[in-house]
Amino acid sequence: MLLERKEIQKTYGKQLLLKDIHLSIPKGQAVAIIGGNGTGKSTLLKMIASIRLKKEMPELLWVFPPINSFLMFGQYEHHLLVHVLLLTAWALAYSFVLMSLFLYLVRKRRNM
């Protein structure tokens, strides 16, 4: 596995927004998270990138030891510097793609 996250959950006040999300991304796989406005896509991506607080992902502690349940390239990593660099890499890789642009490019390609 390139990246694995377990038991991702998010609450807003008393409302549970995301519950028991498990994500595994094999090496070489591209992943897109698609959904309507307000469905939690950005929240999920920020949590995967560990931008949110550690309490929202109990199995993944980036800043405070012990660091556990982080699997990278099939091996568990326990070195804090590695985690900080990975956080930076994932935060930089986090981006938005406008659906209208995507649909435009698909239509243009079909009409070629």
PDB file of N, CA and C in Angstrom:
ATOM      1  N   MET A   1       0.826  -1.185   0.000  1.00  0.00           N
ATOM      2  CA  MET A   1       0.000   0.000   0.000  1.00  0.00           C
ATOM      3  C   MET A   1       0.871   1.250   0.000  1.00  0.00           C
ATOM      4  N   LEU A   2       0.476   2.214  -0.805  1.00  0.00           N
ATOM      5  CA  LEU A   2       1.153   3.507  -0.782  1.00  0.00           C
ATOM      6  C   LEU A   2       0.719   4.304   0.442  1.00  0.00           C
ATOM      7  N   LEU A   3      -0.588   4.317   0.691  1.00  0.00           N
ATOM      8  CA  LEU A   3      -1.108   5.099   1.801  1.00  0.00           C
ATOM      9  C   LEU A   3      -2.317   4.393   2.384  1.00  0.00           C
ATOM     10  N   GLU A   4      -2.411   4.378   3.701  1.00  0.00           N
ATOM     11  CA  GLU A   4      -3.551   3.760   4.371  1.00  0.00           C
ATOM     12  C   GLU A   4      -3.960   4.619   5.556  1.00  0.00           C
ATOM     13  N   ARG A   5      -5.252   4.880   5.666  1.00  0.00           N
ATOM     14  CA  ARG A   5      -5.808   5.612   6.801  1.00  0.00           C
ATOM     15  C   ARG A   5      -6.986   4.805   7.334  1.00  0.00           C
ATOM     16  N   LYS A   6      -7.131   4.775   8.655  1.00  0.00           N
ATOM     17  CA  LYS A   6      -8.197   3.990   9.273  1.00  0.00           C
ATOM     18  C   LYS A   6      -9.019   4.857  10.213  1.00  0.00           C
ATOM     19  N   GLU A   7     -10.292   4.498  10.315  1.00  0.00           N
ATOM     20  CA  GLU A   7     -11.228   5.091  11.274  1.00  0.00           C
ATOM     21  C   GLU A   7     -11.269   6.612  11.217  1.00  0.00           C
ATOM     22  N   ILE A   8     -11.376   7.153  10.017  1.00  0.00           N
ATOM     23  CA  ILE A   8     -11.524   8.597   9.870  1.00  0.00           C
ATOM     24  C   ILE A   8     -12.960   8.953  10.218  1.00  0.00           C
ATOM     25  N   GLN A   9     -13.130   9.930  11.077  1.00  0.00           N
ATOM     26  CA  GLN A   9     -14.476  10.417  11.380  1.00  0.00           C
ATOM     27  C   GLN A   9     -14.423  11.900  11.661  1.00  0.00           C
ATOM     28  N   LYS A  10     -15.557  12.573  11.433  1.00  0.00           N
ATOM     29  CA  LYS A  10     -15.629  14.018  11.609  1.00  0.00           C
ATOM     30  C   LYS A  10     -17.006  14.383  12.134  1.00  0.00           C
ATOM     31  N   THR A  11     -17.021  15.223  13.141  1.00  0.00           N
ATOM     32  CA  THR A  11     -18.277  15.770  13.651  1.00  0.00           C
ATOM     33  C   THR A  11     -18.246  17.283  13.512  1.00  0.00           C
ATOM     34  N   TYR A  12     -19.411  17.860  13.370  1.00  0.00           N
ATOM     35  CA  TYR A  12     -19.576  19.308  13.360  1.00  0.00           C
ATOM     36  C   TYR A  12     -20.633  19.604  14.402  1.00  0.00           C
ATOM     37  N   GLY A  13     -20.175  20.094  15.552  1.00  0.00           N
ATOM     38  CA  GLY A  13     -21.088  20.197  16.684  1.00  0.00           C
ATOM     39  C   GLY A  13     -21.448  18.795  17.133  1.00  0.00           C
ATOM     40  N   LYS A  14     -22.746  18.507  17.189  1.00  0.00           N
ATOM     41  CA  LYS A  14     -23.196  17.159  17.560  1.00  0.00           C
ATOM     42  C   LYS A  14     -23.509  16.290  16.347  1.00  0.00           C
ATOM     43  N   GLN A  15     -23.424  16.877  15.156  1.00  0.00           N
ATOM     44  CA  GLN A  15     -23.758  16.137  13.941  1.00  0.00           C
ATOM     45  C   GLN A  15     -22.541  15.366  13.426  1.00  0.00           C
ATOM     46  N   LEU A  16     -22.725  14.071  13.203  1.00  0.00           N
ATOM     47  CA  LEU A  16     -21.673  13.218  12.656  1.00  0.00           C
ATOM     48  C   LEU A  16     -21.664  13.370  11.136  1.00  0.00           C
ATOM     49  N   LEU A  17     -20.551  13.841  10.589  1.00  0.00           N
ATOM     50  CA  LEU A  17     -20.454  14.069   9.147  1.00  0.00           C
ATOM     51  C   LEU A  17     -19.811  12.895   8.415  1.00  0.00           C
ATOM     52  N   LEU A  18     -18.721  12.396   8.937  1.00  0.00           N
ATOM     53  CA  LEU A  18     -18.019  11.249   8.359  1.00  0.00           C
ATOM     54  C   LEU A  18     -17.842  10.211   9.450  1.00  0.00           C
ATOM     55  N   LYS A  19     -18.081   8.945   9.127  1.00  0.00           N
ATOM     56  CA  LYS A  19     -17.982   7.897  10.144  1.00  0.00           C
ATOM     57  C   LYS A  19     -17.276   6.674   9.581  1.00  0.00           C
ATOM     58  N   ASP A  20     -16.274   6.205  10.317  1.00  0.00           N
ATOM     59  CA  ASP A  20     -15.568   4.953  10.005  1.00  0.00           C
ATOM     60  C   ASP A  20     -15.125   4.860   8.545  1.00  0.00           C
ATOM     61  N   ILE A  21     -14.485   5.911   8.058  1.00  0.00           N
ATOM     62  CA  ILE A  21     -13.939   5.899   6.703  1.00  0.00           C
ATOM     63  C   ILE A  21     -12.588   5.190   6.748  1.00  0.00           C
ATOM     64  N   HIS A  22     -12.421   4.194   5.895  1.00  0.00           N
ATOM     65  CA  HIS A  22     -11.147   3.487   5.757  1.00  0.00           C
ATOM     66  C   HIS A  22     -10.679   3.688   4.321  1.00  0.00           C
ATOM     67  N   LEU A  23      -9.423   4.052   4.156  1.00  0.00           N
ATOM     68  CA  LEU A  23      -8.896   4.347   2.832  1.00  0.00           C
ATOM     69  C   LEU A  23      -7.573   3.621   2.630  1.00  0.00           C
ATOM     70  N   SER A  24      -7.465   2.905   1.529  1.00  0.00           N
ATOM     71  CA  SER A  24      -6.211   2.257   1.141  1.00  0.00           C
ATOM     72  C   SER A  24      -5.943   2.607  -0.313  1.00  0.00           C
ATOM     73  N   ILE A  25      -4.762   3.145  -0.580  1.00  0.00           N
ATOM     74  CA  ILE A  25      -4.389   3.508  -1.944  1.00  0.00           C
ATOM     75  C   ILE A  25      -3.148   2.713  -2.322  1.00  0.00           C
ATOM     76  N   PRO A  26      -3.271   1.791  -3.283  1.00  0.00           N
ATOM     77  CA  PRO A  26      -2.105   1.026  -3.727  1.00  0.00           C
ATOM     78  C   PRO A  26      -1.121   1.914  -4.485  1.00  0.00           C
ATOM     79  N   LYS A  27       0.125   1.529  -4.484  1.00  0.00           N
ATOM     80  CA  LYS A  27       1.152   2.257  -5.218  1.00  0.00           C
ATOM     81  C   LYS A  27       0.791   2.301  -6.699  1.00  0.00           C
ATOM     82  N   GLY A  28       0.921   3.465  -7.316  1.00  0.00           N
ATOM     83  CA  GLY A  28       0.635   3.631  -8.733  1.00  0.00           C
ATOM     84  C   GLY A  28      -0.816   3.920  -9.058  1.00  0.00           C
ATOM     85  N   GLN A  29      -1.687   3.977  -8.068  1.00  0.00           N
ATOM     86  CA  GLN A  29      -3.113   4.205  -8.286  1.00  0.00           C
ATOM     87  C   GLN A  29      -3.445   5.682  -8.116  1.00  0.00           C
ATOM     88  N   ALA A  30      -4.233   6.227  -9.025  1.00  0.00           N
ATOM     89  CA  ALA A  30      -4.744   7.590  -8.897  1.00  0.00           C
ATOM     90  C   ALA A  30      -6.147   7.510  -8.323  1.00  0.00           C
ATOM     91  N   VAL A  31      -6.470   8.405  -7.419  1.00  0.00           N
ATOM     92  CA  VAL A  31      -7.765   8.381  -6.746  1.00  0.00           C
ATOM     93  C   VAL A  31      -8.431   9.739  -6.885  1.00  0.00           C
ATOM     94  N   ALA A  32      -9.717   9.742  -7.204  1.00  0.00           N
ATOM     95  CA  ALA A  32     -10.509  10.970  -7.250  1.00  0.00           C
ATOM     96  C   ALA A  32     -11.665  10.818  -6.280  1.00  0.00           C
ATOM     97  N   ILE A  33     -11.951  11.872  -5.546  1.00  0.00           N
ATOM     98  CA  ILE A  33     -13.102  11.885  -4.645  1.00  0.00           C
ATOM     99  C   ILE A  33     -14.109  12.843  -5.253  1.00  0.00           C
ATOM    100  N   ILE A  34     -15.268  12.303  -5.621  1.00  0.00           N
ATOM    101  CA  ILE A  34     -16.270  13.055  -6.369  1.00  0.00           C
ATOM    102  C   ILE A  34     -17.556  13.112  -5.565  1.00  0.00           C
ATOM    103  N   GLY A  35     -18.218  14.258  -5.577  1.00  0.00           N
ATOM    104  CA  GLY A  35     -19.492  14.402  -4.889  1.00  0.00           C
ATOM    105  C   GLY A  35     -20.014  15.815  -5.032  1.00  0.00           C
ATOM    106  N   GLY A  36     -21.245  16.012  -4.634  1.00  0.00           N
ATOM    107  CA  GLY A  36     -21.879  17.318  -4.727  1.00  0.00           C
ATOM    108  C   GLY A  36     -21.345  18.302  -3.697  1.00  0.00           C
ATOM    109  N   ASN A  37     -21.820  19.541  -3.795  1.00  0.00           N
ATOM    110  CA  ASN A  37     -21.434  20.571  -2.833  1.00  0.00           C
ATOM    111  C   ASN A  37     -21.854  20.168  -1.429  1.00  0.00           C
ATOM    112  N   GLY A  38     -20.947  20.359  -0.472  1.00  0.00           N
ATOM    113  CA  GLY A  38     -21.276  20.114   0.925  1.00  0.00           C
ATOM    114  C   GLY A  38     -21.330  18.660   1.344  1.00  0.00           C
ATOM    115  N   THR A  39     -20.778  17.756   0.541  1.00  0.00           N
ATOM    116  CA  THR A  39     -20.849  16.331   0.883  1.00  0.00           C
ATOM    117  C   THR A  39     -19.630  15.823   1.650  1.00  0.00           C
ATOM    118  N   GLY A  40     -18.653  16.703   1.916  1.00  0.00           N
ATOM    119  CA  GLY A  40     -17.518  16.316   2.747  1.00  0.00           C
ATOM    120  C   GLY A  40     -16.242  15.976   2.007  1.00  0.00           C
ATOM    121  N   LYS A  41     -16.185  16.259   0.708  1.00  0.00           N
ATOM    122  CA  LYS A  41     -14.980  15.935  -0.073  1.00  0.00           C
ATOM    123  C   LYS A  41     -13.755  16.666   0.465  1.00  0.00           C
ATOM    124  N   SER A  42     -13.868  17.970   0.612  1.00  0.00           N
ATOM    125  CA  SER A  42     -12.729  18.768   1.093  1.00  0.00           C
ATOM    126  C   SER A  42     -12.349  18.374   2.510  1.00  0.00           C
ATOM    127  N   THR A  43     -13.345  18.163   3.345  1.00  0.00           N
ATOM    128  CA  THR A  43     -13.079  17.755   4.729  1.00  0.00           C
ATOM    129  C   THR A  43     -12.324  16.438   4.756  1.00  0.00           C
ATOM    130  N   LEU A  44     -12.770  15.473   3.961  1.00  0.00           N
ATOM    131  CA  LEU A  44     -12.103  14.176   3.910  1.00  0.00           C
ATOM    132  C   LEU A  44     -10.664  14.313   3.420  1.00  0.00           C
ATOM    133  N   LEU A  45     -10.451  15.088   2.362  1.00  0.00           N
ATOM    134  CA  LEU A  45      -9.097  15.260   1.833  1.00  0.00           C
ATOM    135  C   LEU A  45      -8.181  15.937   2.839  1.00  0.00           C
ATOM    136  N   LYS A  46      -8.688  16.925   3.543  1.00  0.00           N
ATOM    137  CA  LYS A  46      -7.878  17.592   4.565  1.00  0.00           C
ATOM    138  C   LYS A  46      -7.528  16.628   5.692  1.00  0.00           C
ATOM    139  N   MET A  47      -8.457  15.764   6.038  1.00  0.00           N
ATOM    140  CA  MET A  47      -8.191  14.800   7.104  1.00  0.00           C
ATOM    141  C   MET A  47      -7.205  13.735   6.636  1.00  0.00           C
ATOM    142  N   ILE A  48      -7.312  13.316   5.394  1.00  0.00           N
ATOM    143  CA  ILE A  48      -6.350  12.363   4.849  1.00  0.00           C
ATOM    144  C   ILE A  48      -4.960  12.984   4.873  1.00  0.00           C
ATOM    145  N   ALA A  49      -4.889  14.258   4.556  1.00  0.00           N
ATOM    146  CA  ALA A  49      -3.609  14.969   4.559  1.00  0.00           C
ATOM    147  C   ALA A  49      -3.189  15.373   5.964  1.00  0.00           C
ATOM    148  N   SER A  50      -3.968  15.002   6.955  1.00  0.00           N
ATOM    149  CA  SER A  50      -3.674  15.283   8.365  1.00  0.00           C
ATOM    150  C   SER A  50      -3.582  16.765   8.666  1.00  0.00           C
ATOM    151  N   ILE A  51      -4.362  17.553   7.970  1.00  0.00           N
ATOM    152  CA  ILE A  51      -4.412  18.979   8.244  1.00  0.00           C
ATOM    153  C   ILE A  51      -5.299  19.235   9.455  1.00  0.00           C
ATOM    154  N   ARG A  52      -6.247  18.360   9.688  1.00  0.00           N
ATOM    155  CA  ARG A  52      -7.159  18.517  10.818  1.00  0.00           C
ATOM    156  C   ARG A  52      -6.531  18.028  12.117  1.00  0.00           C
ATOM    157  N   LEU A  53      -7.201  18.273  13.211  1.00  0.00           N
ATOM    158  CA  LEU A  53      -6.678  17.915  14.528  1.00  0.00           C
ATOM    159  C   LEU A  53      -6.581  16.410  14.714  1.00  0.00           C
ATOM    160  N   LYS A  54      -5.628  15.987  15.534  1.00  0.00           N
ATOM    161  CA  LYS A  54      -5.388  14.558  15.757  1.00  0.00           C
ATOM    162  C   LYS A  54      -6.588  13.845  16.350  1.00  0.00           C
ATOM    163  N   LYS A  55      -7.438  14.528  17.112  1.00  0.00           N
ATOM    164  CA  LYS A  55      -8.577  13.851  17.741  1.00  0.00           C
ATOM    165  C   LYS A  55      -9.580  13.338  16.710  1.00  0.00           C
ATOM    166  N   GLU A  56      -9.562  13.895  15.501  1.00  0.00           N
ATOM    167  CA  GLU A  56     -10.487  13.462  14.464  1.00  0.00           C
ATOM    168  C   GLU A  56     -10.031  12.169  13.793  1.00  0.00           C
ATOM    169  N   MET A  57      -8.778  11.814  13.961  1.00  0.00           N
ATOM    170  CA  MET A  57      -8.240  10.576  13.406  1.00  0.00           C
ATOM    171  C   MET A  57      -7.496   9.860  14.522  1.00  0.00           C
ATOM    172  N   PRO A  58      -8.198   9.161  15.406  1.00  0.00           N
ATOM    173  CA  PRO A  58      -7.563   8.587  16.587  1.00  0.00           C
ATOM    174  C   PRO A  58      -6.450   7.597  16.279  1.00  0.00           C
ATOM    175  N   GLU A  59      -6.474   6.987  15.124  1.00  0.00           N
ATOM    176  CA  GLU A  59      -5.445   5.999  14.802  1.00  0.00           C
ATOM    177  C   GLU A  59      -4.198   6.631  14.192  1.00  0.00           C
ATOM    178  N   LEU A  60      -4.236   7.936  13.911  1.00  0.00           N
ATOM    179  CA  LEU A  60      -3.092   8.584  13.284  1.00  0.00           C
ATOM    180  C   LEU A  60      -2.717   9.826  14.069  1.00  0.00           C
ATOM    181  N   LEU A  61      -1.561   9.806  14.700  1.00  0.00           N
ATOM    182  CA  LEU A  61      -1.084  10.935  15.488  1.00  0.00           C
ATOM    183  C   LEU A  61       0.180  11.459  14.826  1.00  0.00           C
ATOM    184  N   TRP A  62       0.081  12.619  14.203  1.00  0.00           N
ATOM    185  CA  TRP A  62       1.228  13.139  13.455  1.00  0.00           C
ATOM    186  C   TRP A  62       2.254  13.823  14.342  1.00  0.00           C
ATOM    187  N   VAL A  63       1.806  14.568  15.322  1.00  0.00           N
ATOM    188  CA  VAL A  63       2.713  15.425  16.066  1.00  0.00           C
ATOM    189  C   VAL A  63       3.111  14.823  17.394  1.00  0.00           C
ATOM    190  N   PHE A  64       2.200  14.146  18.040  1.00  0.00           N
ATOM    191  CA  PHE A  64       2.455  13.651  19.385  1.00  0.00           C
ATOM    192  C   PHE A  64       2.681  12.148  19.361  1.00  0.00           C
ATOM    193  N   PRO A  65       3.767  11.649  19.962  1.00  0.00           N
ATOM    194  CA  PRO A  65       3.982  10.202  20.018  1.00  0.00           C
ATOM    195  C   PRO A  65       2.955   9.553  20.929  1.00  0.00           C
ATOM    196  N   PRO A  66       2.653   8.256  20.798  1.00  0.00           N
ATOM    197  CA  PRO A  66       3.225   7.379  19.780  1.00  0.00           C
ATOM    198  C   PRO A  66       2.538   7.549  18.429  1.00  0.00           C
ATOM    199  N   ILE A  67       3.272   7.466  17.380  1.00  0.00           N
ATOM    200  CA  ILE A  67       2.719   7.526  16.029  1.00  0.00           C
ATOM    201  C   ILE A  67       2.405   6.093  15.616  1.00  0.00           C
ATOM    202  N   ASN A  68       1.168   5.855  15.201  1.00  0.00           N
ATOM    203  CA  ASN A  68       0.810   4.489  14.815  1.00  0.00           C
ATOM    204  C   ASN A  68      -0.177   4.497  13.664  1.00  0.00           C
ATOM    205  N   SER A  69      -0.410   3.353  13.088  1.00  0.00           N
ATOM    206  CA  SER A  69      -1.378   3.147  12.013  1.00  0.00           C
ATOM    207  C   SER A  69      -1.128   4.023  10.796  1.00  0.00           C
ATOM    208  N   PHE A  70       0.108   4.361  10.538  1.00  0.00           N
ATOM    209  CA  PHE A  70       0.430   5.043   9.294  1.00  0.00           C
ATOM    210  C   PHE A  70       1.273   4.104   8.454  1.00  0.00           C
ATOM    211  N   LEU A  71       0.743   3.725   7.314  1.00  0.00           N
ATOM    212  CA  LEU A  71       1.404   2.748   6.458  1.00  0.00           C
ATOM    213  C   LEU A  71       1.824   3.448   5.174  1.00  0.00           C
ATOM    214  N   MET A  72       3.102   3.408   4.862  1.00  0.00           N
ATOM    215  CA  MET A  72       3.606   4.063   3.658  1.00  0.00           C
ATOM    216  C   MET A  72       4.491   3.087   2.914  1.00  0.00           C
ATOM    217  N   PHE A  73       4.187   2.831   1.642  1.00  0.00           N
ATOM    218  CA  PHE A  73       4.941   1.887   0.821  1.00  0.00           C
ATOM    219  C   PHE A  73       5.051   0.520   1.488  1.00  0.00           C
ATOM    220  N   GLY A  74       3.976   0.092   2.150  1.00  0.00           N
ATOM    221  CA  GLY A  74       3.927  -1.233   2.746  1.00  0.00           C
ATOM    222  C   GLY A  74       4.661  -1.380   4.056  1.00  0.00           C
ATOM    223  N   GLN A  75       5.192  -0.282   4.604  1.00  0.00           N
ATOM    224  CA  GLN A  75       5.908  -0.355   5.872  1.00  0.00           C
ATOM    225  C   GLN A  75       5.372   0.706   6.821  1.00  0.00           C
ATOM    226  N   TYR A  76       5.308   0.352   8.100  1.00  0.00           N
ATOM    227  CA  TYR A  76       4.892   1.326   9.095  1.00  0.00           C
ATOM    228  C   TYR A  76       6.049   2.272   9.379  1.00  0.00           C
ATOM    229  N   GLU A  77       5.770   3.556   9.316  1.00  0.00           N
ATOM    230  CA  GLU A  77       6.786   4.578   9.556  1.00  0.00           C
ATOM    231  C   GLU A  77       6.599   5.147  10.952  1.00  0.00           C
ATOM    232  N   HIS A  78       7.694   5.358  11.652  1.00  0.00           N
ATOM    233  CA  HIS A  78       7.619   5.885  13.012  1.00  0.00           C
ATOM    234  C   HIS A  78       8.542   7.077  13.231  1.00  0.00           C
ATOM    235  N   HIS A  79       9.109   7.619  12.191  1.00  0.00           N
ATOM    236  CA  HIS A  79      10.035   8.733  12.333  1.00  0.00           C
ATOM    237  C   HIS A  79       9.278  10.034  12.101  1.00  0.00           C
ATOM    238  N   LEU A  80       9.326  10.939  13.055  1.00  0.00           N
ATOM    239  CA  LEU A  80       8.526  12.161  13.004  1.00  0.00           C
ATOM    240  C   LEU A  80       8.848  13.007  11.780  1.00  0.00           C
ATOM    241  N   LEU A  81      10.108  13.118  11.404  1.00  0.00           N
ATOM    242  CA  LEU A  81      10.485  13.922  10.252  1.00  0.00           C
ATOM    243  C   LEU A  81       9.829  13.398   8.980  1.00  0.00           C
ATOM    244  N   VAL A  82       9.775  12.088   8.835  1.00  0.00           N
ATOM    245  CA  VAL A  82       9.111  11.492   7.677  1.00  0.00           C
ATOM    246  C   VAL A  82       7.661  11.936   7.633  1.00  0.00           C
ATOM    247  N   HIS A  83       6.996  11.955   8.758  1.00  0.00           N
ATOM    248  CA  HIS A  83       5.590  12.334   8.798  1.00  0.00           C
ATOM    249  C   HIS A  83       5.385  13.797   8.443  1.00  0.00           C
ATOM    250  N   VAL A  84       6.263  14.653   8.906  1.00  0.00           N
ATOM    251  CA  VAL A  84       6.153  16.071   8.574  1.00  0.00           C
ATOM    252  C   VAL A  84       6.348  16.279   7.076  1.00  0.00           C
ATOM    253  N   LEU A  85       7.322  15.597   6.493  1.00  0.00           N
ATOM    254  CA  LEU A  85       7.556  15.715   5.061  1.00  0.00           C
ATOM    255  C   LEU A  85       6.385  15.163   4.259  1.00  0.00           C
ATOM    256  N   LEU A  86       5.818  14.049   4.710  1.00  0.00           N
ATOM    257  CA  LEU A  86       4.664  13.478   4.021  1.00  0.00           C
ATOM    258  C   LEU A  86       3.462  14.395   4.135  1.00  0.00           C
ATOM    259  N   LEU A  87       3.282  15.000   5.293  1.00  0.00           N
ATOM    260  CA  LEU A  87       2.189  15.954   5.467  1.00  0.00           C
ATOM    261  C   LEU A  87       2.347  17.086   4.471  1.00  0.00           C
ATOM    262  N   THR A  88       3.558  17.598   4.331  1.00  0.00           N
ATOM    263  CA  THR A  88       3.803  18.670   3.379  1.00  0.00           C
ATOM    264  C   THR A  88       3.516  18.198   1.957  1.00  0.00           C
ATOM    265  N   ALA A  89       3.989  17.006   1.623  1.00  0.00           N
ATOM    266  CA  ALA A  89       3.768  16.485   0.277  1.00  0.00           C
ATOM    267  C   ALA A  89       2.283  16.304  -0.004  1.00  0.00           C
ATOM    268  N   TRP A  90       1.525  15.762   0.938  1.00  0.00           N
ATOM    269  CA  TRP A  90       0.094  15.559   0.716  1.00  0.00           C
ATOM    270  C   TRP A  90      -0.647  16.879   0.684  1.00  0.00           C
ATOM    271  N   ALA A  91      -0.253  17.817   1.524  1.00  0.00           N
ATOM    272  CA  ALA A  91      -0.920  19.116   1.520  1.00  0.00           C
ATOM    273  C   ALA A  91      -0.685  19.818   0.189  1.00  0.00           C
ATOM    274  N   LEU A  92       0.503  19.692  -0.360  1.00  0.00           N
ATOM    275  CA  LEU A  92       0.791  20.310  -1.648  1.00  0.00           C
ATOM    276  C   LEU A  92       0.069  19.597  -2.783  1.00  0.00           C
ATOM    277  N   ALA A  93      -0.162  18.305  -2.645  1.00  0.00           N
ATOM    278  CA  ALA A  93      -0.839  17.535  -3.683  1.00  0.00           C
ATOM    279  C   ALA A  93      -2.348  17.726  -3.646  1.00  0.00           C
ATOM    280  N   TYR A  94      -2.860  18.275  -2.573  1.00  0.00           N
ATOM    281  CA  TYR A  94      -4.291  18.483  -2.404  1.00  0.00           C
ATOM    282  C   TYR A  94      -4.733  19.635  -3.292  1.00  0.00           C
ATOM    283  N   SER A  95      -5.637  19.389  -4.210  1.00  0.00           N
ATOM    284  CA  SER A  95      -6.061  20.446  -5.125  1.00  0.00           C
ATOM    285  C   SER A  95      -7.498  20.218  -5.560  1.00  0.00           C
ATOM    286  N   PHE A  96      -8.058  21.222  -6.178  1.00  0.00           N
ATOM    287  CA  PHE A  96      -9.422  21.159  -6.691  1.00  0.00           C
ATOM    288  C   PHE A  96      -9.385  21.107  -8.213  1.00  0.00           C
ATOM    289  N   VAL A  97     -10.331  20.399  -8.790  1.00  0.00           N
ATOM    290  CA  VAL A  97     -10.516  20.397 -10.233  1.00  0.00           C
ATOM    291  C   VAL A  97     -11.957  20.804 -10.482  1.00  0.00           C
ATOM    292  N   LEU A  98     -12.133  21.859 -11.250  1.00  0.00           N
ATOM    293  CA  LEU A  98     -13.490  22.315 -11.540  1.00  0.00           C
ATOM    294  C   LEU A  98     -14.183  21.299 -12.434  1.00  0.00           C
ATOM    295  N   MET A  99     -15.370  20.855 -12.034  1.00  0.00           N
ATOM    296  CA  MET A  99     -16.101  19.848 -12.796  1.00  0.00           C
ATOM    297  C   MET A  99     -16.434  20.374 -14.187  1.00  0.00           C
ATOM    298  N   SER A 100     -16.742  21.662 -14.298  1.00  0.00           N
ATOM    299  CA  SER A 100     -17.075  22.212 -15.614  1.00  0.00           C
ATOM    300  C   SER A 100     -15.885  22.108 -16.566  1.00  0.00           C
ATOM    301  N   LEU A 101     -14.674  22.332 -16.060  1.00  0.00           N
ATOM    302  CA  LEU A 101     -13.478  22.188 -16.888  1.00  0.00           C
ATOM    303  C   LEU A 101     -13.299  20.734 -17.302  1.00  0.00           C
ATOM    304  N   PHE A 102     -13.499  19.808 -16.377  1.00  0.00           N
ATOM    305  CA  PHE A 102     -13.378  18.383 -16.677  1.00  0.00           C
ATOM    306  C   PHE A 102     -14.377  17.979 -17.765  1.00  0.00           C
ATOM    307  N   LEU A 103     -15.635  18.386 -17.618  1.00  0.00           N
ATOM    308  CA  LEU A 103     -16.657  18.034 -18.609  1.00  0.00           C
ATOM    309  C   LEU A 103     -16.342  18.649 -19.966  1.00  0.00           C
ATOM    310  N   TYR A 104     -15.843  19.876 -19.968  1.00  0.00           N
ATOM    311  CA  TYR A 104     -15.447  20.535 -21.215  1.00  0.00           C
ATOM    312  C   TYR A 104     -14.363  19.730 -21.928  1.00  0.00           C
ATOM    313  N   LEU A 105     -13.346  19.305 -21.179  1.00  0.00           N
ATOM    314  CA  LEU A 105     -12.249  18.548 -21.785  1.00  0.00           C
ATOM    315  C   LEU A 105     -12.711  17.188 -22.302  1.00  0.00           C
ATOM    316  N   VAL A 106     -13.624  16.535 -21.577  1.00  0.00           N
ATOM    317  CA  VAL A 106     -14.165  15.244 -22.027  1.00  0.00           C
ATOM    318  C   VAL A 106     -14.942  15.429 -23.317  1.00  0.00           C
ATOM    319  N   ARG A 107     -15.811  16.441 -23.377  1.00  0.00           N
ATOM    320  CA  ARG A 107     -16.599  16.691 -24.596  1.00  0.00           C
ATOM    321  C   ARG A 107     -15.700  17.042 -25.772  1.00  0.00           C
ATOM    322  N   LYS A 108     -14.701  17.866 -25.512  1.00  0.00           N
ATOM    323  CA  LYS A 108     -13.782  18.266 -26.577  1.00  0.00           C
ATOM    324  C   LYS A 108     -13.053  17.053 -27.133  1.00  0.00           C
ATOM    325  N   ARG A 109     -12.621  16.168 -26.267  1.00  0.00           N
ATOM    326  CA  ARG A 109     -11.898  14.970 -26.721  1.00  0.00           C
ATOM    327  C   ARG A 109     -12.814  14.059 -27.537  1.00  0.00           C
ATOM    328  N   ARG A 110     -14.074  13.917 -27.110  1.00  0.00           N
ATOM    329  CA  ARG A 110     -15.018  13.050 -27.837  1.00  0.00           C
ATOM    330  C   ARG A 110     -15.305  13.588 -29.234  1.00  0.00           C
ATOM    331  N   ASN A 111     -15.266  14.907 -29.390  1.00  0.00           N
ATOM    332  CA  ASN A 111     -15.590  15.526 -30.676  1.00  0.00           C
ATOM    333  C   ASN A 111     -14.390  15.638 -31.610  1.00  0.00           C
ATOM    334  N   MET A 112     -13.237  15.167 -31.192  1.00  0.00           N
ATOM    335  CA  MET A 112     -12.035  15.261 -32.043  1.00  0.00           C
ATOM    336  C   MET A 112     -12.024  14.166 -33.077  1.00  0.00           C
TER     337      MET A 112
END
